[in-house]
Amino acid sequence: MSDLYQLGRRLAEIALEDMGADAPDLAPGEFLVLQDLFLNGRSAVGDIARRTGLAQSRVSTSVRALAGRHWVTTGADPADGRKTLVDVTEPIRAAGQQRRAGRADKTLTDALAEADDKERADLIAALERLHQLLVAGRTLRRFPDTVTPRTAR
């Protein structure tokens, strides 16, 4: 079980690096908020906190930082003025969709550099099949705890 866990963590680290989670100006909380907005669309701060497992104050801090970069917009919920709704801006949504649409083949090819071409193709095909069997059709509610914390902002 330990090997399976370590493999999962390493694959998550590889994916996070390729998705930009290691960007120097993007705190882990900000990355999680962005990921949640991409997965769930326009959302209230409290809902983001519940889905990500972050404290509501942490989500609010991340939203302020992202809004300062013009990556997200905020506004009062018309149904409940006490709630703040957050959404990704169109340029960031387009950039995120372009990244997400890309296949992981190049990233995996780089990560599996020690394997020969046939073995690498077999391993990538096996990972695609594992994804079909274990992930496809499921809704991820919480991002895995694989982001290494940086200094708090």
N, C-alpha and C. Protein backbone atom coordinates (compact mmCIF):
# COMPACT_ATOMS: atom_id res chain seq x y z
N MET A 1 0.82 -1.19 0.00
CA MET A 1 0.00 0.00 0.00
C MET A 1 0.86 1.26 0.00
N SER A 2 1.99 1.18 0.68
CA SER A 2 2.89 2.33 0.72
C SER A 2 3.38 2.68 -0.68
N ASP A 3 3.73 1.66 -1.47
CA ASP A 3 4.18 1.91 -2.84
C ASP A 3 3.10 2.58 -3.67
N LEU A 4 1.86 2.12 -3.53
CA LEU A 4 0.74 2.71 -4.26
C LEU A 4 0.57 4.17 -3.87
N TYR A 5 0.63 4.45 -2.57
CA TYR A 5 0.50 5.81 -2.08
C TYR A 5 1.62 6.70 -2.63
N GLN A 6 2.87 6.20 -2.57
CA GLN A 6 4.00 6.98 -3.07
C GLN A 6 3.88 7.24 -4.57
N LEU A 7 3.41 6.25 -5.32
CA LEU A 7 3.21 6.43 -6.75
C LEU A 7 2.16 7.52 -7.01
N GLY A 8 1.07 7.46 -6.27
CA GLY A 8 0.02 8.47 -6.43
C GLY A 8 0.53 9.87 -6.12
N ARG A 9 1.30 10.00 -5.05
CA ARG A 9 1.86 11.32 -4.70
C ARG A 9 2.80 11.82 -5.78
N ARG A 10 3.64 10.93 -6.30
CA ARG A 10 4.60 11.36 -7.33
C ARG A 10 3.88 11.79 -8.60
N LEU A 11 2.85 11.04 -9.00
CA LEU A 11 2.08 11.42 -10.18
C LEU A 11 1.39 12.77 -9.95
N ALA A 12 0.88 12.99 -8.75
CA ALA A 12 0.25 14.27 -8.43
C ALA A 12 1.27 15.41 -8.48
N GLU A 13 2.47 15.18 -7.97
CA GLU A 13 3.51 16.20 -8.02
C GLU A 13 3.86 16.56 -9.46
N ILE A 14 3.99 15.54 -10.31
CA ILE A 14 4.31 15.76 -11.72
C ILE A 14 3.20 16.59 -12.37
N ALA A 15 1.96 16.24 -12.11
CA ALA A 15 0.83 16.96 -12.69
C ALA A 15 0.78 18.40 -12.18
N LEU A 16 0.97 18.58 -10.88
CA LEU A 16 0.93 19.93 -10.31
C LEU A 16 2.00 20.83 -10.91
N GLU A 17 3.20 20.29 -11.09
CA GLU A 17 4.27 21.08 -11.70
C GLU A 17 3.87 21.52 -13.10
N ASP A 18 3.29 20.60 -13.89
CA ASP A 18 2.92 20.91 -15.27
C ASP A 18 1.73 21.86 -15.33
N MET A 19 0.85 21.81 -14.32
CA MET A 19 -0.33 22.66 -14.31
C MET A 19 -0.03 24.05 -13.76
N GLY A 20 1.19 24.27 -13.29
CA GLY A 20 1.56 25.60 -12.83
C GLY A 20 1.45 25.81 -11.34
N ALA A 21 1.21 24.76 -10.58
CA ALA A 21 1.08 24.92 -9.13
C ALA A 21 2.39 25.33 -8.48
N ASP A 22 3.49 25.14 -9.20
CA ASP A 22 4.78 25.52 -8.64
C ASP A 22 5.20 26.91 -9.09
N ALA A 23 4.29 27.66 -9.71
CA ALA A 23 4.60 29.02 -10.13
C ALA A 23 5.02 29.84 -8.92
N PRO A 24 6.10 30.59 -9.03
CA PRO A 24 6.62 31.28 -7.85
C PRO A 24 5.66 32.30 -7.23
N ASP A 25 4.78 32.87 -8.02
CA ASP A 25 3.87 33.89 -7.49
C ASP A 25 2.51 33.34 -7.14
N LEU A 26 2.34 32.03 -7.15
CA LEU A 26 1.03 31.42 -6.88
C LEU A 26 1.13 30.58 -5.60
N ALA A 27 0.50 31.08 -4.55
CA ALA A 27 0.50 30.35 -3.28
C ALA A 27 -0.38 29.11 -3.40
N PRO A 28 -0.11 28.07 -2.62
CA PRO A 28 -0.92 26.84 -2.70
C PRO A 28 -2.42 27.10 -2.56
N GLY A 29 -2.80 27.99 -1.64
CA GLY A 29 -4.23 28.30 -1.47
C GLY A 29 -4.83 28.92 -2.71
N GLU A 30 -4.07 29.79 -3.36
CA GLU A 30 -4.54 30.42 -4.60
C GLU A 30 -4.74 29.37 -5.69
N PHE A 31 -3.80 28.45 -5.79
CA PHE A 31 -3.92 27.38 -6.78
C PHE A 31 -5.18 26.56 -6.52
N LEU A 32 -5.41 26.20 -5.25
CA LEU A 32 -6.59 25.40 -4.92
C LEU A 32 -7.89 26.15 -5.22
N VAL A 33 -7.92 27.44 -4.95
CA VAL A 33 -9.11 28.25 -5.26
C VAL A 33 -9.34 28.26 -6.77
N LEU A 34 -8.30 28.49 -7.54
CA LEU A 34 -8.44 28.49 -9.01
C LEU A 34 -8.92 27.14 -9.51
N GLN A 35 -8.33 26.08 -9.00
CA GLN A 35 -8.73 24.75 -9.44
C GLN A 35 -10.20 24.51 -9.12
N ASP A 36 -10.63 24.89 -7.94
CA ASP A 36 -12.02 24.71 -7.55
C ASP A 36 -12.94 25.49 -8.48
N LEU A 37 -12.58 26.71 -8.82
CA LEU A 37 -13.41 27.52 -9.72
C LEU A 37 -13.47 26.91 -11.12
N PHE A 38 -12.37 26.34 -11.58
CA PHE A 38 -12.40 25.68 -12.89
C PHE A 38 -13.31 24.46 -12.86
N LEU A 39 -13.28 23.71 -11.77
CA LEU A 39 -14.09 22.50 -11.66
C LEU A 39 -15.56 22.80 -11.41
N ASN A 40 -15.86 23.86 -10.65
CA ASN A 40 -17.22 24.10 -10.19
C ASN A 40 -17.87 25.38 -10.69
N GLY A 41 -17.12 26.24 -11.36
CA GLY A 41 -17.68 27.49 -11.85
C GLY A 41 -17.89 28.51 -10.75
N ARG A 42 -18.60 29.57 -11.10
CA ARG A 42 -18.86 30.67 -10.17
C ARG A 42 -19.38 30.13 -8.85
N SER A 43 -18.76 30.56 -7.75
CA SER A 43 -19.07 29.99 -6.45
C SER A 43 -18.94 31.01 -5.34
N ALA A 44 -19.65 30.75 -4.26
CA ALA A 44 -19.52 31.55 -3.05
C ALA A 44 -18.24 31.15 -2.32
N VAL A 45 -17.64 32.10 -1.64
CA VAL A 45 -16.41 31.87 -0.89
C VAL A 45 -16.58 30.69 0.07
N GLY A 46 -17.70 30.64 0.78
CA GLY A 46 -17.95 29.56 1.73
C GLY A 46 -18.00 28.20 1.06
N ASP A 47 -18.57 28.14 -0.14
CA ASP A 47 -18.63 26.87 -0.87
C ASP A 47 -17.23 26.43 -1.30
N ILE A 48 -16.42 27.38 -1.73
CA ILE A 48 -15.03 27.05 -2.11
C ILE A 48 -14.29 26.50 -0.90
N ALA A 49 -14.48 27.15 0.25
CA ALA A 49 -13.81 26.69 1.48
C ALA A 49 -14.24 25.27 1.81
N ARG A 50 -15.52 24.99 1.71
CA ARG A 50 -16.03 23.66 2.04
C ARG A 50 -15.45 22.60 1.10
N ARG A 51 -15.41 22.91 -0.19
CA ARG A 51 -14.93 21.92 -1.17
C ARG A 51 -13.43 21.71 -1.11
N THR A 52 -12.67 22.76 -0.83
CA THR A 52 -11.20 22.63 -0.82
C THR A 52 -10.65 22.21 0.53
N GLY A 53 -11.42 22.42 1.58
CA GLY A 53 -10.91 22.12 2.92
C GLY A 53 -10.09 23.25 3.50
N LEU A 54 -10.00 24.38 2.79
CA LEU A 54 -9.27 25.54 3.30
C LEU A 54 -10.18 26.32 4.24
N ALA A 55 -9.58 27.02 5.17
CA ALA A 55 -10.35 27.90 6.05
C ALA A 55 -10.95 29.02 5.20
N GLN A 56 -12.14 29.49 5.58
CA GLN A 56 -12.79 30.53 4.80
C GLN A 56 -11.92 31.79 4.73
N SER A 57 -11.20 32.09 5.80
CA SER A 57 -10.31 33.26 5.79
C SER A 57 -9.19 33.08 4.76
N ARG A 58 -8.70 31.85 4.63
CA ARG A 58 -7.65 31.54 3.65
C ARG A 58 -8.17 31.70 2.23
N VAL A 59 -9.40 31.24 2.00
CA VAL A 59 -10.02 31.40 0.68
C VAL A 59 -10.19 32.89 0.38
N SER A 60 -10.68 33.65 1.35
CA SER A 60 -10.87 35.10 1.15
C SER A 60 -9.55 35.79 0.82
N THR A 61 -8.49 35.43 1.52
CA THR A 61 -7.17 36.00 1.26
C THR A 61 -6.70 35.64 -0.15
N SER A 62 -6.90 34.41 -0.54
CA SER A 62 -6.51 33.96 -1.88
C SER A 62 -7.33 34.67 -2.95
N VAL A 63 -8.62 34.83 -2.71
CA VAL A 63 -9.49 35.52 -3.67
C VAL A 63 -9.04 36.97 -3.84
N ARG A 64 -8.71 37.65 -2.74
CA ARG A 64 -8.23 39.04 -2.83
C ARG A 64 -6.96 39.12 -3.68
N ALA A 65 -6.03 38.18 -3.45
CA ALA A 65 -4.78 38.18 -4.22
C ALA A 65 -5.06 37.93 -5.70
N LEU A 66 -5.93 36.97 -5.99
CA LEU A 66 -6.25 36.65 -7.38
C LEU A 66 -7.01 37.79 -8.05
N ALA A 67 -7.88 38.45 -7.32
CA ALA A 67 -8.61 39.60 -7.86
C ALA A 67 -7.64 40.75 -8.15
N GLY A 68 -6.64 40.90 -7.31
CA GLY A 68 -5.62 41.94 -7.53
C GLY A 68 -4.83 41.72 -8.80
N ARG A 69 -4.72 40.48 -9.23
CA ARG A 69 -4.04 40.14 -10.49
C ARG A 69 -5.01 40.12 -11.67
N HIS A 70 -6.28 40.36 -11.40
CA HIS A 70 -7.34 40.32 -12.42
C HIS A 70 -7.53 38.90 -12.96
N TRP A 71 -7.34 37.91 -12.10
CA TRP A 71 -7.56 36.51 -12.46
C TRP A 71 -8.97 36.06 -12.11
N VAL A 72 -9.58 36.72 -11.11
CA VAL A 72 -10.95 36.42 -10.72
C VAL A 72 -11.72 37.72 -10.54
N THR A 73 -13.04 37.60 -10.63
CA THR A 73 -13.93 38.72 -10.31
C THR A 73 -14.76 38.33 -9.11
N THR A 74 -15.20 39.33 -8.37
CA THR A 74 -16.04 39.08 -7.21
C THR A 74 -17.26 39.99 -7.28
N GLY A 75 -18.32 39.54 -6.62
CA GLY A 75 -19.52 40.34 -6.54
C GLY A 75 -20.46 39.75 -5.52
N ALA A 76 -21.41 40.57 -5.09
CA ALA A 76 -22.39 40.10 -4.12
C ALA A 76 -23.34 39.11 -4.78
N ASP A 77 -23.72 38.09 -4.04
CA ASP A 77 -24.71 37.11 -4.50
C ASP A 77 -26.07 37.80 -4.53
N PRO A 78 -26.73 37.86 -5.71
CA PRO A 78 -28.02 38.54 -5.77
C PRO A 78 -29.08 37.88 -4.90
N ALA A 79 -28.95 36.60 -4.64
CA ALA A 79 -29.92 35.89 -3.80
C ALA A 79 -29.66 36.11 -2.31
N ASP A 80 -28.40 36.39 -1.96
CA ASP A 80 -28.03 36.59 -0.56
C ASP A 80 -26.85 37.56 -0.53
N GLY A 81 -27.12 38.82 -0.35
CA GLY A 81 -26.10 39.87 -0.39
C GLY A 81 -24.96 39.70 0.58
N ARG A 82 -25.12 38.81 1.57
CA ARG A 82 -24.04 38.57 2.53
C ARG A 82 -22.94 37.71 1.94
N LYS A 83 -23.26 36.98 0.89
CA LYS A 83 -22.28 36.08 0.28
C LYS A 83 -21.55 36.78 -0.87
N THR A 84 -20.27 36.44 -1.01
CA THR A 84 -19.47 36.94 -2.13
C THR A 84 -19.30 35.82 -3.13
N LEU A 85 -19.65 36.09 -4.39
CA LEU A 85 -19.46 35.13 -5.46
C LEU A 85 -18.15 35.43 -6.17
N VAL A 86 -17.45 34.38 -6.55
CA VAL A 86 -16.15 34.49 -7.20
C VAL A 86 -16.23 33.74 -8.52
N ASP A 87 -15.61 34.30 -9.56
CA ASP A 87 -15.54 33.62 -10.85
C ASP A 87 -14.22 33.95 -11.51
N VAL A 88 -13.75 33.05 -12.34
CA VAL A 88 -12.51 33.23 -13.09
C VAL A 88 -12.79 34.20 -14.24
N THR A 89 -11.84 35.11 -14.52
CA THR A 89 -11.99 36.02 -15.65
C THR A 89 -11.86 35.24 -16.95
N GLU A 90 -12.39 35.80 -18.02
CA GLU A 90 -12.35 35.11 -19.32
C GLU A 90 -10.94 34.80 -19.81
N PRO A 91 -9.98 35.75 -19.73
CA PRO A 91 -8.63 35.41 -20.18
C PRO A 91 -8.02 34.24 -19.39
N ILE A 92 -8.26 34.21 -18.09
CA ILE A 92 -7.72 33.12 -17.26
C ILE A 92 -8.46 31.82 -17.56
N ARG A 93 -9.76 31.90 -17.77
CA ARG A 93 -10.53 30.70 -18.13
C ARG A 93 -10.01 30.11 -19.43
N ALA A 94 -9.78 30.97 -20.44
CA ALA A 94 -9.28 30.49 -21.73
C ALA A 94 -7.89 29.86 -21.59
N ALA A 95 -7.01 30.51 -20.82
CA ALA A 95 -5.67 29.95 -20.62
C ALA A 95 -5.74 28.63 -19.87
N GLY A 96 -6.60 28.54 -18.87
CA GLY A 96 -6.76 27.30 -18.11
C GLY A 96 -7.32 26.18 -18.96
N GLN A 97 -8.31 26.50 -19.80
CA GLN A 97 -8.88 25.46 -20.66
C GLN A 97 -7.86 24.96 -21.66
N GLN A 98 -7.02 25.86 -22.15
CA GLN A 98 -5.98 25.44 -23.08
C GLN A 98 -5.00 24.50 -22.39
N ARG A 99 -4.61 24.83 -21.16
CA ARG A 99 -3.71 23.96 -20.39
C ARG A 99 -4.34 22.62 -20.11
N ARG A 100 -5.61 22.65 -19.67
CA ARG A 100 -6.29 21.42 -19.31
C ARG A 100 -6.56 20.54 -20.52
N ALA A 101 -6.71 21.16 -21.70
CA ALA A 101 -6.97 20.39 -22.91
C ALA A 101 -5.73 19.63 -23.38
N GLY A 102 -4.56 20.11 -22.97
CA GLY A 102 -3.33 19.45 -23.37
C GLY A 102 -3.23 18.06 -22.76
N ARG A 103 -2.64 17.17 -23.50
CA ARG A 103 -2.47 15.81 -22.99
C ARG A 103 -1.21 15.73 -22.15
N ALA A 104 -1.17 14.77 -21.31
CA ALA A 104 -0.05 14.60 -20.39
C ALA A 104 1.10 13.82 -21.02
N ASP A 105 0.98 13.46 -22.29
CA ASP A 105 2.00 12.62 -22.92
C ASP A 105 3.41 13.22 -22.81
N LYS A 106 3.55 14.51 -23.10
CA LYS A 106 4.89 15.10 -23.04
C LYS A 106 5.42 15.10 -21.61
N THR A 107 4.57 15.45 -20.67
CA THR A 107 4.99 15.46 -19.27
C THR A 107 5.41 14.06 -18.83
N LEU A 108 4.60 13.07 -19.20
CA LEU A 108 4.93 11.69 -18.83
C LEU A 108 6.17 11.20 -19.57
N THR A 109 6.32 11.60 -20.83
CA THR A 109 7.51 11.21 -21.59
C THR A 109 8.77 11.73 -20.89
N ASP A 110 8.70 12.98 -20.43
CA ASP A 110 9.85 13.55 -19.70
C ASP A 110 10.08 12.81 -18.38
N ALA A 111 8.99 12.52 -17.66
CA ALA A 111 9.11 11.85 -16.36
C ALA A 111 9.61 10.41 -16.50
N LEU A 112 9.29 9.79 -17.63
CA LEU A 112 9.67 8.38 -17.85
C LEU A 112 10.87 8.28 -18.79
N ALA A 113 11.77 9.22 -18.71
CA ALA A 113 12.91 9.29 -19.62
C ALA A 113 13.78 8.03 -19.59
N GLU A 114 13.80 7.31 -18.46
CA GLU A 114 14.64 6.11 -18.36
C GLU A 114 14.05 4.91 -19.10
N ALA A 115 12.77 4.97 -19.44
CA ALA A 115 12.13 3.86 -20.16
C ALA A 115 12.37 4.00 -21.66
N ASP A 116 12.43 2.85 -22.36
CA ASP A 116 12.55 2.93 -23.82
C ASP A 116 11.17 3.31 -24.41
N ASP A 117 11.13 3.59 -25.70
CA ASP A 117 9.90 4.10 -26.34
C ASP A 117 8.71 3.16 -26.16
N LYS A 118 8.90 1.87 -26.34
CA LYS A 118 7.79 0.93 -26.23
C LYS A 118 7.29 0.85 -24.78
N GLU A 119 8.23 0.72 -23.85
CA GLU A 119 7.84 0.65 -22.45
C GLU A 119 7.11 1.92 -22.03
N ARG A 120 7.61 3.08 -22.47
CA ARG A 120 6.98 4.35 -22.14
C ARG A 120 5.56 4.40 -22.70
N ALA A 121 5.37 3.99 -23.95
CA ALA A 121 4.03 3.98 -24.56
C ALA A 121 3.10 3.04 -23.81
N ASP A 122 3.62 1.88 -23.40
CA ASP A 122 2.82 0.92 -22.63
C ASP A 122 2.42 1.50 -21.27
N LEU A 123 3.35 2.18 -20.62
CA LEU A 123 3.06 2.76 -19.30
C LEU A 123 2.03 3.89 -19.42
N ILE A 124 2.16 4.73 -20.44
CA ILE A 124 1.20 5.81 -20.63
C ILE A 124 -0.18 5.23 -20.94
N ALA A 125 -0.23 4.19 -21.76
CA ALA A 125 -1.52 3.54 -22.05
C ALA A 125 -2.12 2.93 -20.78
N ALA A 126 -1.27 2.34 -19.95
CA ALA A 126 -1.76 1.76 -18.69
C ALA A 126 -2.30 2.85 -17.76
N LEU A 127 -1.64 3.99 -17.71
CA LEU A 127 -2.13 5.10 -16.89
C LEU A 127 -3.47 5.63 -17.41
N GLU A 128 -3.61 5.70 -18.74
CA GLU A 128 -4.89 6.12 -19.32
C GLU A 128 -5.99 5.15 -18.93
N ARG A 129 -5.69 3.86 -18.96
CA ARG A 129 -6.69 2.85 -18.58
C ARG A 129 -7.03 2.93 -17.09
N LEU A 130 -6.02 3.13 -16.25
CA LEU A 130 -6.27 3.31 -14.82
C LEU A 130 -7.18 4.52 -14.59
N HIS A 131 -6.93 5.58 -15.32
CA HIS A 131 -7.77 6.77 -15.19
C HIS A 131 -9.21 6.44 -15.57
N GLN A 132 -9.40 5.72 -16.66
CA GLN A 132 -10.75 5.32 -17.07
C GLN A 132 -11.45 4.51 -15.99
N LEU A 133 -10.72 3.58 -15.42
CA LEU A 133 -11.31 2.67 -14.43
C LEU A 133 -11.54 3.31 -13.06
N LEU A 134 -10.62 4.17 -12.65
CA LEU A 134 -10.66 4.67 -11.27
C LEU A 134 -11.13 6.11 -11.11
N VAL A 135 -11.08 6.90 -12.18
CA VAL A 135 -11.36 8.32 -12.03
C VAL A 135 -12.51 8.80 -12.91
N ALA A 136 -12.54 8.40 -14.17
CA ALA A 136 -13.53 8.92 -15.12
C ALA A 136 -14.94 8.78 -14.56
N GLY A 137 -15.70 9.86 -14.66
CA GLY A 137 -17.07 9.84 -14.18
C GLY A 137 -17.23 10.18 -12.72
N ARG A 138 -16.15 10.27 -11.99
CA ARG A 138 -16.23 10.64 -10.57
C ARG A 138 -15.98 12.13 -10.43
N THR A 139 -16.60 12.75 -9.46
CA THR A 139 -16.40 14.16 -9.18
C THR A 139 -15.42 14.28 -8.02
N LEU A 140 -14.33 14.97 -8.27
CA LEU A 140 -13.36 15.21 -7.20
C LEU A 140 -13.90 16.33 -6.32
N ARG A 141 -14.04 16.07 -5.05
CA ARG A 141 -14.57 17.07 -4.14
C ARG A 141 -13.49 17.87 -3.45
N ARG A 142 -12.35 17.26 -3.31
CA ARG A 142 -11.27 17.94 -2.60
C ARG A 142 -9.97 17.62 -3.27
N PHE A 143 -9.15 18.62 -3.45
CA PHE A 143 -7.86 18.42 -4.07
C PHE A 143 -6.96 17.66 -3.11
N PRO A 144 -6.16 16.70 -3.61
CA PRO A 144 -5.28 15.94 -2.71
C PRO A 144 -4.28 16.84 -1.99
N ASP A 145 -3.91 16.44 -0.80
CA ASP A 145 -2.97 17.20 0.01
C ASP A 145 -1.54 16.96 -0.47
N THR A 146 -1.25 17.33 -1.72
CA THR A 146 0.08 17.09 -2.24
C THR A 146 0.84 18.39 -2.47
N VAL A 147 0.19 19.52 -2.24
CA VAL A 147 0.87 20.79 -2.44
C VAL A 147 1.74 21.06 -1.23
N THR A 148 3.01 21.30 -1.48
CA THR A 148 3.92 21.61 -0.40
C THR A 148 3.67 23.03 0.05
N PRO A 149 3.36 23.23 1.34
CA PRO A 149 3.08 24.59 1.80
C PRO A 149 4.29 25.51 1.64
N ARG A 150 4.00 26.72 1.24
CA ARG A 150 5.02 27.76 1.19
C ARG A 150 4.72 28.73 2.31
N THR A 151 5.51 29.77 2.38
CA THR A 151 5.24 30.75 3.43
C THR A 151 3.86 31.34 3.22
N ALA A 152 3.14 31.54 4.31
CA ALA A 152 1.77 32.07 4.23
C ALA A 152 1.80 33.50 3.71
N ARG A 153 0.75 33.82 2.96
CA ARG A 153 0.63 35.19 2.44
C ARG A 153 -0.43 35.91 3.20
